[in-house]
Amino acid sequence: MSRNDDDDRDYDRPRRDKDSGTKTVLIVLGVLGVLAVLGVIGCIGCAGWGIFQAGKAVQEGMQSIVGMTTAEAFMNDLQGGRSAAAYQNTTASFKESMSAKQFDEFLAKNPILTKHKFRTMGNMNPVGQPPVKKVIVSFELHTSDPDGDDPDMIEDDTDVKPKVKTQQTAKDNKAEKLKDGKCTLTMVEENGIWKVDALTIP
């Protein structure tokens, strides 16, 4: 082997060392790049999951509001003496268990449902996982106005007359016996429309 051959090998050694170092740097940069991409994908995934969960919560809230609004409309019909309209907004299951005539009889036995002056909502509970298909709404039914002013109960002290028993007086006495009450409506979505599935009182 000549001296020139030894010189050539010594000359190539630094070049090979340099190429090896460059490859190592490229591998490290590649690994870091992959990790960065995975991190971005992870962040996007977390954000997407958060948006999905928020969407479910909004959907549940909207469904509950629709059920509550339908319950309020049903109670408005009862209070306004529109029992036929209220009955139409009940489910097929409700109608199977109670005919329209039985419904009217039920209302007659529980006059607070139709004769309350005003009402307040007690609770509104969604049932099941979103999308919610069932909501239970309870109402407090009151026989007098919120401010306590009841025109029927106002007396004129300037013109006091002895009370005479009449048929109207008997009716008034019966009406005065009406007390505050409660009721609970179970609302369900039937064929895309919210309806009353059950009406209960304590």
C-alpha atoms as a PDB file:
ATOM      1  CA  MET A   1       0.000   0.000   0.000  1.00  0.00           C
ATOM      2  CA  SER A   2       1.438   3.348  -1.001  1.00  0.00           C
ATOM      3  CA  ARG A   3       1.625   6.479   1.071  1.00  0.00           C
ATOM      4  CA  ASN A   4      -0.820   8.188  -1.235  1.00  0.00           C
ATOM      5  CA  ASP A   5      -3.510   5.594  -0.383  1.00  0.00           C
ATOM      6  CA  ASP A   6      -3.087   6.301   3.348  1.00  0.00           C
ATOM      7  CA  ASP A   7      -3.423  10.006   2.691  1.00  0.00           C
ATOM      8  CA  ASP A   8      -6.704   9.419   0.775  1.00  0.00           C
ATOM      9  CA  ARG A   9      -8.244   7.423   3.679  1.00  0.00           C
ATOM     10  CA  ASP A  10      -7.265  10.088   6.180  1.00  0.00           C
ATOM     11  CA  TYR A  11      -8.851  12.692   3.952  1.00  0.00           C
ATOM     12  CA  ASP A  12     -12.217  10.806   3.672  1.00  0.00           C
ATOM     13  CA  ARG A  13     -12.588  10.130   7.446  1.00  0.00           C
ATOM     14  CA  PRO A  14     -13.729  13.675   8.463  1.00  0.00           C
ATOM     15  CA  ARG A  15     -16.238  13.687   5.587  1.00  0.00           C
ATOM     16  CA  ARG A  16     -17.830  10.407   6.803  1.00  0.00           C
ATOM     17  CA  ASP A  17     -17.977  11.734  10.370  1.00  0.00           C
ATOM     18  CA  LYS A  18     -19.680  14.885   9.125  1.00  0.00           C
ATOM     19  CA  ASP A  19     -22.292  12.890   7.147  1.00  0.00           C
ATOM     20  CA  SER A  20     -23.070  10.758  10.209  1.00  0.00           C
ATOM     21  CA  GLY A  21     -23.604  13.851  12.376  1.00  0.00           C
ATOM     22  CA  THR A  22     -25.914  15.380   9.779  1.00  0.00           C
ATOM     23  CA  LYS A  23     -28.036  12.212   9.692  1.00  0.00           C
ATOM     24  CA  THR A  24     -28.346  12.236  13.475  1.00  0.00           C
ATOM     25  CA  VAL A  25     -29.501  15.866  13.447  1.00  0.00           C
ATOM     26  CA  LEU A  26     -32.072  15.088  10.746  1.00  0.00           C
ATOM     27  CA  ILE A  27     -33.405  12.106  12.716  1.00  0.00           C
ATOM     28  CA  VAL A  28     -33.765  14.228  15.869  1.00  0.00           C
ATOM     29  CA  LEU A  29     -35.505  16.988  13.926  1.00  0.00           C
ATOM     30  CA  GLY A  30     -37.825  14.405  12.335  1.00  0.00           C
ATOM     31  CA  VAL A  31     -38.769  12.958  15.725  1.00  0.00           C
ATOM     32  CA  LEU A  32     -39.406  16.440  17.106  1.00  0.00           C
ATOM     33  CA  GLY A  33     -41.540  17.270  14.065  1.00  0.00           C
ATOM     34  CA  VAL A  34     -43.648  14.129  14.525  1.00  0.00           C
ATOM     35  CA  LEU A  35     -44.122  14.919  18.208  1.00  0.00           C
ATOM     36  CA  ALA A  36     -45.168  18.471  17.357  1.00  0.00           C
ATOM     37  CA  VAL A  37     -47.733  17.221  14.821  1.00  0.00           C
ATOM     38  CA  LEU A  38     -49.109  14.709  17.331  1.00  0.00           C
ATOM     39  CA  GLY A  39     -49.363  17.475  19.918  1.00  0.00           C
ATOM     40  CA  VAL A  40     -51.337  19.684  17.522  1.00  0.00           C
ATOM     41  CA  ILE A  41     -53.644  16.774  16.638  1.00  0.00           C
ATOM     42  CA  GLY A  42     -54.146  16.081  20.348  1.00  0.00           C
ATOM     43  CA  CYS A  43     -55.067  19.705  21.018  1.00  0.00           C
ATOM     44  CA  ILE A  44     -57.509  19.730  18.121  1.00  0.00           C
ATOM     45  CA  GLY A  45     -59.023  16.476  19.382  1.00  0.00           C
ATOM     46  CA  CYS A  46     -59.462  17.880  22.887  1.00  0.00           C
ATOM     47  CA  ALA A  47     -61.020  21.053  21.514  1.00  0.00           C
ATOM     48  CA  GLY A  48     -63.354  19.011  19.301  1.00  0.00           C
ATOM     49  CA  TRP A  49     -64.416  16.854  22.256  1.00  0.00           C
ATOM     50  CA  GLY A  50     -65.084  19.955  24.339  1.00  0.00           C
ATOM     51  CA  ILE A  51     -67.206  21.460  21.558  1.00  0.00           C
ATOM     52  CA  PHE A  52     -69.104  18.166  21.220  1.00  0.00           C
ATOM     53  CA  GLN A  53     -69.851  18.052  24.949  1.00  0.00           C
ATOM     54  CA  ALA A  54     -70.917  21.698  24.928  1.00  0.00           C
ATOM     55  CA  GLY A  55     -73.208  20.968  21.979  1.00  0.00           C
ATOM     56  CA  LYS A  56     -74.818  18.113  23.887  1.00  0.00           C
ATOM     57  CA  ALA A  57     -75.393  20.367  26.883  1.00  0.00           C
ATOM     58  CA  VAL A  58     -76.984  23.056  24.694  1.00  0.00           C
ATOM     59  CA  GLN A  59     -79.168  20.450  22.997  1.00  0.00           C
ATOM     60  CA  GLU A  60     -80.306  19.095  26.356  1.00  0.00           C
ATOM     61  CA  GLY A  61     -81.100  22.603  27.544  1.00  0.00           C
ATOM     62  CA  MET A  62     -83.096  23.414  24.409  1.00  0.00           C
ATOM     63  CA  GLN A  63     -85.087  20.167  24.606  1.00  0.00           C
ATOM     64  CA  SER A  64     -85.866  20.825  28.259  1.00  0.00           C
ATOM     65  CA  ILE A  65     -87.045  24.354  27.448  1.00  0.00           C
ATOM     66  CA  VAL A  66     -89.370  23.054  24.709  1.00  0.00           C
ATOM     67  CA  GLY A  67     -90.843  20.493  27.114  1.00  0.00           C
ATOM     68  CA  MET A  68     -91.284  23.163  29.796  1.00  0.00           C
ATOM     69  CA  THR A  69     -92.938  25.571  27.330  1.00  0.00           C
ATOM     70  CA  THR A  70     -95.386  22.878  26.234  1.00  0.00           C
ATOM     71  CA  ALA A  71     -96.234  22.145  29.873  1.00  0.00           C
ATOM     72  CA  GLU A  72     -96.925  25.849  30.434  1.00  0.00           C
ATOM     73  CA  ALA A  73     -99.197  25.954  27.376  1.00  0.00           C
ATOM     74  CA  PHE A  74    -101.098  22.922  28.682  1.00  0.00           C
ATOM     75  CA  MET A  75    -101.655  24.643  32.035  1.00  0.00           C
ATOM     76  CA  ASN A  76    -102.791  27.812  30.243  1.00  0.00           C
ATOM     77  CA  ASP A  77    -105.448  25.760  28.449  1.00  0.00           C
ATOM     78  CA  LEU A  78    -106.644  24.278  31.735  1.00  0.00           C
ATOM     79  CA  GLN A  79    -106.752  27.666  33.438  1.00  0.00           C
ATOM     80  CA  GLY A  80    -108.630  29.151  30.487  1.00  0.00           C
ATOM     81  CA  GLY A  81    -111.282  26.420  30.535  1.00  0.00           C
ATOM     82  CA  ARG A  82    -110.030  24.843  27.299  1.00  0.00           C
ATOM     83  CA  SER A  83    -109.964  21.239  28.478  1.00  0.00           C
ATOM     84  CA  ALA A  84    -110.534  19.874  24.955  1.00  0.00           C
ATOM     85  CA  ALA A  85    -107.468  21.708  23.648  1.00  0.00           C
ATOM     86  CA  ALA A  86    -105.430  20.516  26.628  1.00  0.00           C
ATOM     87  CA  TYR A  87    -106.560  16.930  26.051  1.00  0.00           C
ATOM     88  CA  GLN A  88    -105.444  17.110  22.411  1.00  0.00           C
ATOM     89  CA  ASN A  89    -101.918  17.903  23.614  1.00  0.00           C
ATOM     90  CA  THR A  90    -101.607  14.560  25.440  1.00  0.00           C
ATOM     91  CA  THR A  91     -99.878  11.405  24.216  1.00  0.00           C
ATOM     92  CA  ALA A  92    -101.550   8.314  22.801  1.00  0.00           C
ATOM     93  CA  SER A  93    -100.676   6.516  26.028  1.00  0.00           C
ATOM     94  CA  PHE A  94    -102.408   9.220  28.078  1.00  0.00           C
ATOM     95  CA  LYS A  95    -105.540   8.967  25.917  1.00  0.00           C
ATOM     96  CA  GLU A  96    -105.571   5.177  26.264  1.00  0.00           C
ATOM     97  CA  SER A  97    -105.559   5.435  30.052  1.00  0.00           C
ATOM     98  CA  MET A  98    -108.042   8.335  30.284  1.00  0.00           C
ATOM     99  CA  SER A  99    -110.818   9.261  27.879  1.00  0.00           C
ATOM    100  CA  ALA A 100    -111.826  12.875  27.237  1.00  0.00           C
ATOM    101  CA  LYS A 101    -114.870  12.414  29.479  1.00  0.00           C
ATOM    102  CA  GLN A 102    -112.745  10.946  32.266  1.00  0.00           C
ATOM    103  CA  PHE A 103    -110.322  13.831  31.829  1.00  0.00           C
ATOM    104  CA  ASP A 104    -113.120  16.360  32.352  1.00  0.00           C
ATOM    105  CA  GLU A 105    -114.291  14.416  35.415  1.00  0.00           C
ATOM    106  CA  PHE A 106    -110.744  14.445  36.779  1.00  0.00           C
ATOM    107  CA  LEU A 107    -110.589  18.227  36.346  1.00  0.00           C
ATOM    108  CA  ALA A 108    -113.963  18.630  38.066  1.00  0.00           C
ATOM    109  CA  LYS A 109    -112.710  16.645  41.062  1.00  0.00           C
ATOM    110  CA  ASN A 110    -109.555  18.784  41.212  1.00  0.00           C
ATOM    111  CA  PRO A 111    -110.768  22.355  40.589  1.00  0.00           C
ATOM    112  CA  ILE A 112    -107.412  23.882  41.540  1.00  0.00           C
ATOM    113  CA  LEU A 113    -106.164  22.770  38.103  1.00  0.00           C
ATOM    114  CA  THR A 114    -108.646  25.043  36.318  1.00  0.00           C
ATOM    115  CA  LYS A 115    -109.448  27.686  38.936  1.00  0.00           C
ATOM    116  CA  HIS A 116    -106.009  28.741  40.170  1.00  0.00           C
ATOM    117  CA  LYS A 117    -105.272  32.451  39.884  1.00  0.00           C
ATOM    118  CA  PHE A 118    -101.586  32.025  39.098  1.00  0.00           C
ATOM    119  CA  ARG A 119     -98.862  29.403  39.284  1.00  0.00           C
ATOM    120  CA  THR A 120     -95.134  29.096  39.795  1.00  0.00           C
ATOM    121  CA  MET A 121     -92.836  26.405  38.507  1.00  0.00           C
ATOM    122  CA  GLY A 122     -91.401  24.215  41.231  1.00  0.00           C
ATOM    123  CA  ASN A 123     -88.956  21.919  39.435  1.00  0.00           C
ATOM    124  CA  MET A 124     -88.001  20.990  35.901  1.00  0.00           C
ATOM    125  CA  ASN A 125     -86.049  17.723  35.619  1.00  0.00           C
ATOM    126  CA  PRO A 126     -84.789  16.265  32.320  1.00  0.00           C
ATOM    127  CA  VAL A 127     -84.752  12.464  32.306  1.00  0.00           C
ATOM    128  CA  GLY A 128     -82.219  10.326  30.408  1.00  0.00           C
ATOM    129  CA  GLN A 129     -79.216  11.122  28.246  1.00  0.00           C
ATOM    130  CA  PRO A 130     -79.244  13.822  25.548  1.00  0.00           C
ATOM    131  CA  PRO A 131     -81.103  14.200  23.336  1.00  0.00           C
ATOM    132  CA  VAL A 132     -83.649  14.437  26.135  1.00  0.00           C
ATOM    133  CA  LYS A 133     -87.003  12.831  25.355  1.00  0.00           C
ATOM    134  CA  LYS A 134     -88.651  13.226  28.754  1.00  0.00           C
ATOM    135  CA  VAL A 135     -89.010  16.156  31.164  1.00  0.00           C
ATOM    136  CA  ILE A 136     -90.850  16.260  34.490  1.00  0.00           C
ATOM    137  CA  VAL A 137     -92.279  19.679  35.383  1.00  0.00           C
ATOM    138  CA  SER A 138     -93.959  20.533  38.690  1.00  0.00           C
ATOM    139  CA  PHE A 139     -96.148  23.564  39.407  1.00  0.00           C
ATOM    140  CA  GLU A 140     -97.316  25.332  42.551  1.00  0.00           C
ATOM    141  CA  LEU A 141    -100.936  26.420  42.021  1.00  0.00           C
ATOM    142  CA  HIS A 142    -102.205  29.463  43.952  1.00  0.00           C
ATOM    143  CA  THR A 143    -105.775  30.572  44.586  1.00  0.00           C
ATOM    144  CA  SER A 144    -104.962  34.269  45.055  1.00  0.00           C
ATOM    145  CA  ASP A 145    -102.982  36.813  43.076  1.00  0.00           C
ATOM    146  CA  PRO A 146     -99.240  37.223  43.885  1.00  0.00           C
ATOM    147  CA  ASP A 147     -99.808  40.646  45.502  1.00  0.00           C
ATOM    148  CA  GLY A 148    -102.641  39.282  47.628  1.00  0.00           C
ATOM    149  CA  ASP A 149    -105.287  41.450  45.962  1.00  0.00           C
ATOM    150  CA  ASP A 150    -108.389  39.427  45.267  1.00  0.00           C
ATOM    151  CA  PRO A 151    -111.311  41.571  44.049  1.00  0.00           C
ATOM    152  CA  ASP A 152    -113.805  39.027  45.370  1.00  0.00           C
ATOM    153  CA  MET A 153    -112.415  39.397  48.898  1.00  0.00           C
ATOM    154  CA  ILE A 154    -112.593  43.231  49.075  1.00  0.00           C
ATOM    155  CA  GLU A 155    -115.392  44.504  51.329  1.00  0.00           C
ATOM    156  CA  ASP A 156    -116.906  47.957  51.466  1.00  0.00           C
ATOM    157  CA  ASP A 157    -117.094  49.025  55.110  1.00  0.00           C
ATOM    158  CA  THR A 158    -119.351  52.006  54.316  1.00  0.00           C
ATOM    159  CA  ASP A 159    -122.252  49.823  53.320  1.00  0.00           C
ATOM    160  CA  VAL A 160    -122.489  46.888  55.683  1.00  0.00           C
ATOM    161  CA  LYS A 161    -125.610  44.812  55.249  1.00  0.00           C
ATOM    162  CA  PRO A 162    -126.707  41.637  56.994  1.00  0.00           C
ATOM    163  CA  LYS A 163    -125.723  38.550  55.015  1.00  0.00           C
ATOM    164  CA  VAL A 164    -128.611  36.714  53.439  1.00  0.00           C
ATOM    165  CA  LYS A 165    -128.134  33.076  52.494  1.00  0.00           C
ATOM    166  CA  THR A 166    -128.732  32.559  48.812  1.00  0.00           C
ATOM    167  CA  GLN A 167    -127.702  29.986  46.249  1.00  0.00           C
ATOM    168  CA  GLN A 168    -124.943  32.347  45.084  1.00  0.00           C
ATOM    169  CA  THR A 169    -123.666  32.698  48.664  1.00  0.00           C
ATOM    170  CA  ALA A 170    -123.434  28.921  48.925  1.00  0.00           C
ATOM    171  CA  LYS A 171    -121.394  28.820  45.735  1.00  0.00           C
ATOM    172  CA  ASP A 172    -119.115  31.579  47.010  1.00  0.00           C
ATOM    173  CA  ASN A 173    -118.563  29.699  50.271  1.00  0.00           C
ATOM    174  CA  LYS A 174    -117.666  26.601  48.297  1.00  0.00           C
ATOM    175  CA  ALA A 175    -115.244  28.610  46.169  1.00  0.00           C
ATOM    176  CA  GLU A 176    -113.604  30.061  49.279  1.00  0.00           C
ATOM    177  CA  LYS A 177    -112.729  26.543  50.405  1.00  0.00           C
ATOM    178  CA  LEU A 178    -110.436  26.113  47.397  1.00  0.00           C
ATOM    179  CA  LYS A 179    -106.849  25.866  48.602  1.00  0.00           C
ATOM    180  CA  ASP A 180    -103.455  26.157  46.977  1.00  0.00           C
ATOM    181  CA  GLY A 181    -102.247  22.967  45.379  1.00  0.00           C
ATOM    182  CA  LYS A 182     -99.592  21.296  43.289  1.00  0.00           C
ATOM    183  CA  CYS A 183     -99.425  19.264  40.120  1.00  0.00           C
ATOM    184  CA  THR A 184     -96.763  17.459  38.134  1.00  0.00           C
ATOM    185  CA  LEU A 185     -96.646  17.032  34.371  1.00  0.00           C
ATOM    186  CA  THR A 186     -94.559  14.367  32.687  1.00  0.00           C
ATOM    187  CA  MET A 187     -93.668  15.619  29.222  1.00  0.00           C
ATOM    188  CA  VAL A 188     -92.404  13.316  26.469  1.00  0.00           C
ATOM    189  CA  GLU A 189     -91.500  13.782  22.835  1.00  0.00           C
ATOM    190  CA  GLU A 190     -93.888  11.817  20.631  1.00  0.00           C
ATOM    191  CA  ASN A 191     -93.227  11.820  16.884  1.00  0.00           C
ATOM    192  CA  GLY A 192     -91.136  14.955  17.229  1.00  0.00           C
ATOM    193  CA  ILE A 193     -93.805  16.846  19.236  1.00  0.00           C
ATOM    194  CA  TRP A 194     -93.736  17.406  22.989  1.00  0.00           C
ATOM    195  CA  LYS A 195     -96.920  16.275  24.748  1.00  0.00           C
ATOM    196  CA  VAL A 196     -98.269  15.555  28.211  1.00  0.00           C
ATOM    197  CA  ASP A 197     -97.827  11.892  29.098  1.00  0.00           C
ATOM    198  CA  ALA A 198     -99.016  12.093  32.709  1.00  0.00           C
ATOM    199  CA  LEU A 199    -100.775  14.591  34.981  1.00  0.00           C
ATOM    200  CA  THR A 200    -100.599  13.931  38.701  1.00  0.00           C
ATOM    201  CA  ILE A 201    -101.544  15.805  41.850  1.00  0.00           C
ATOM    202  CA  PRO A 202    -100.582  14.985  45.460  1.00  0.00           C
END
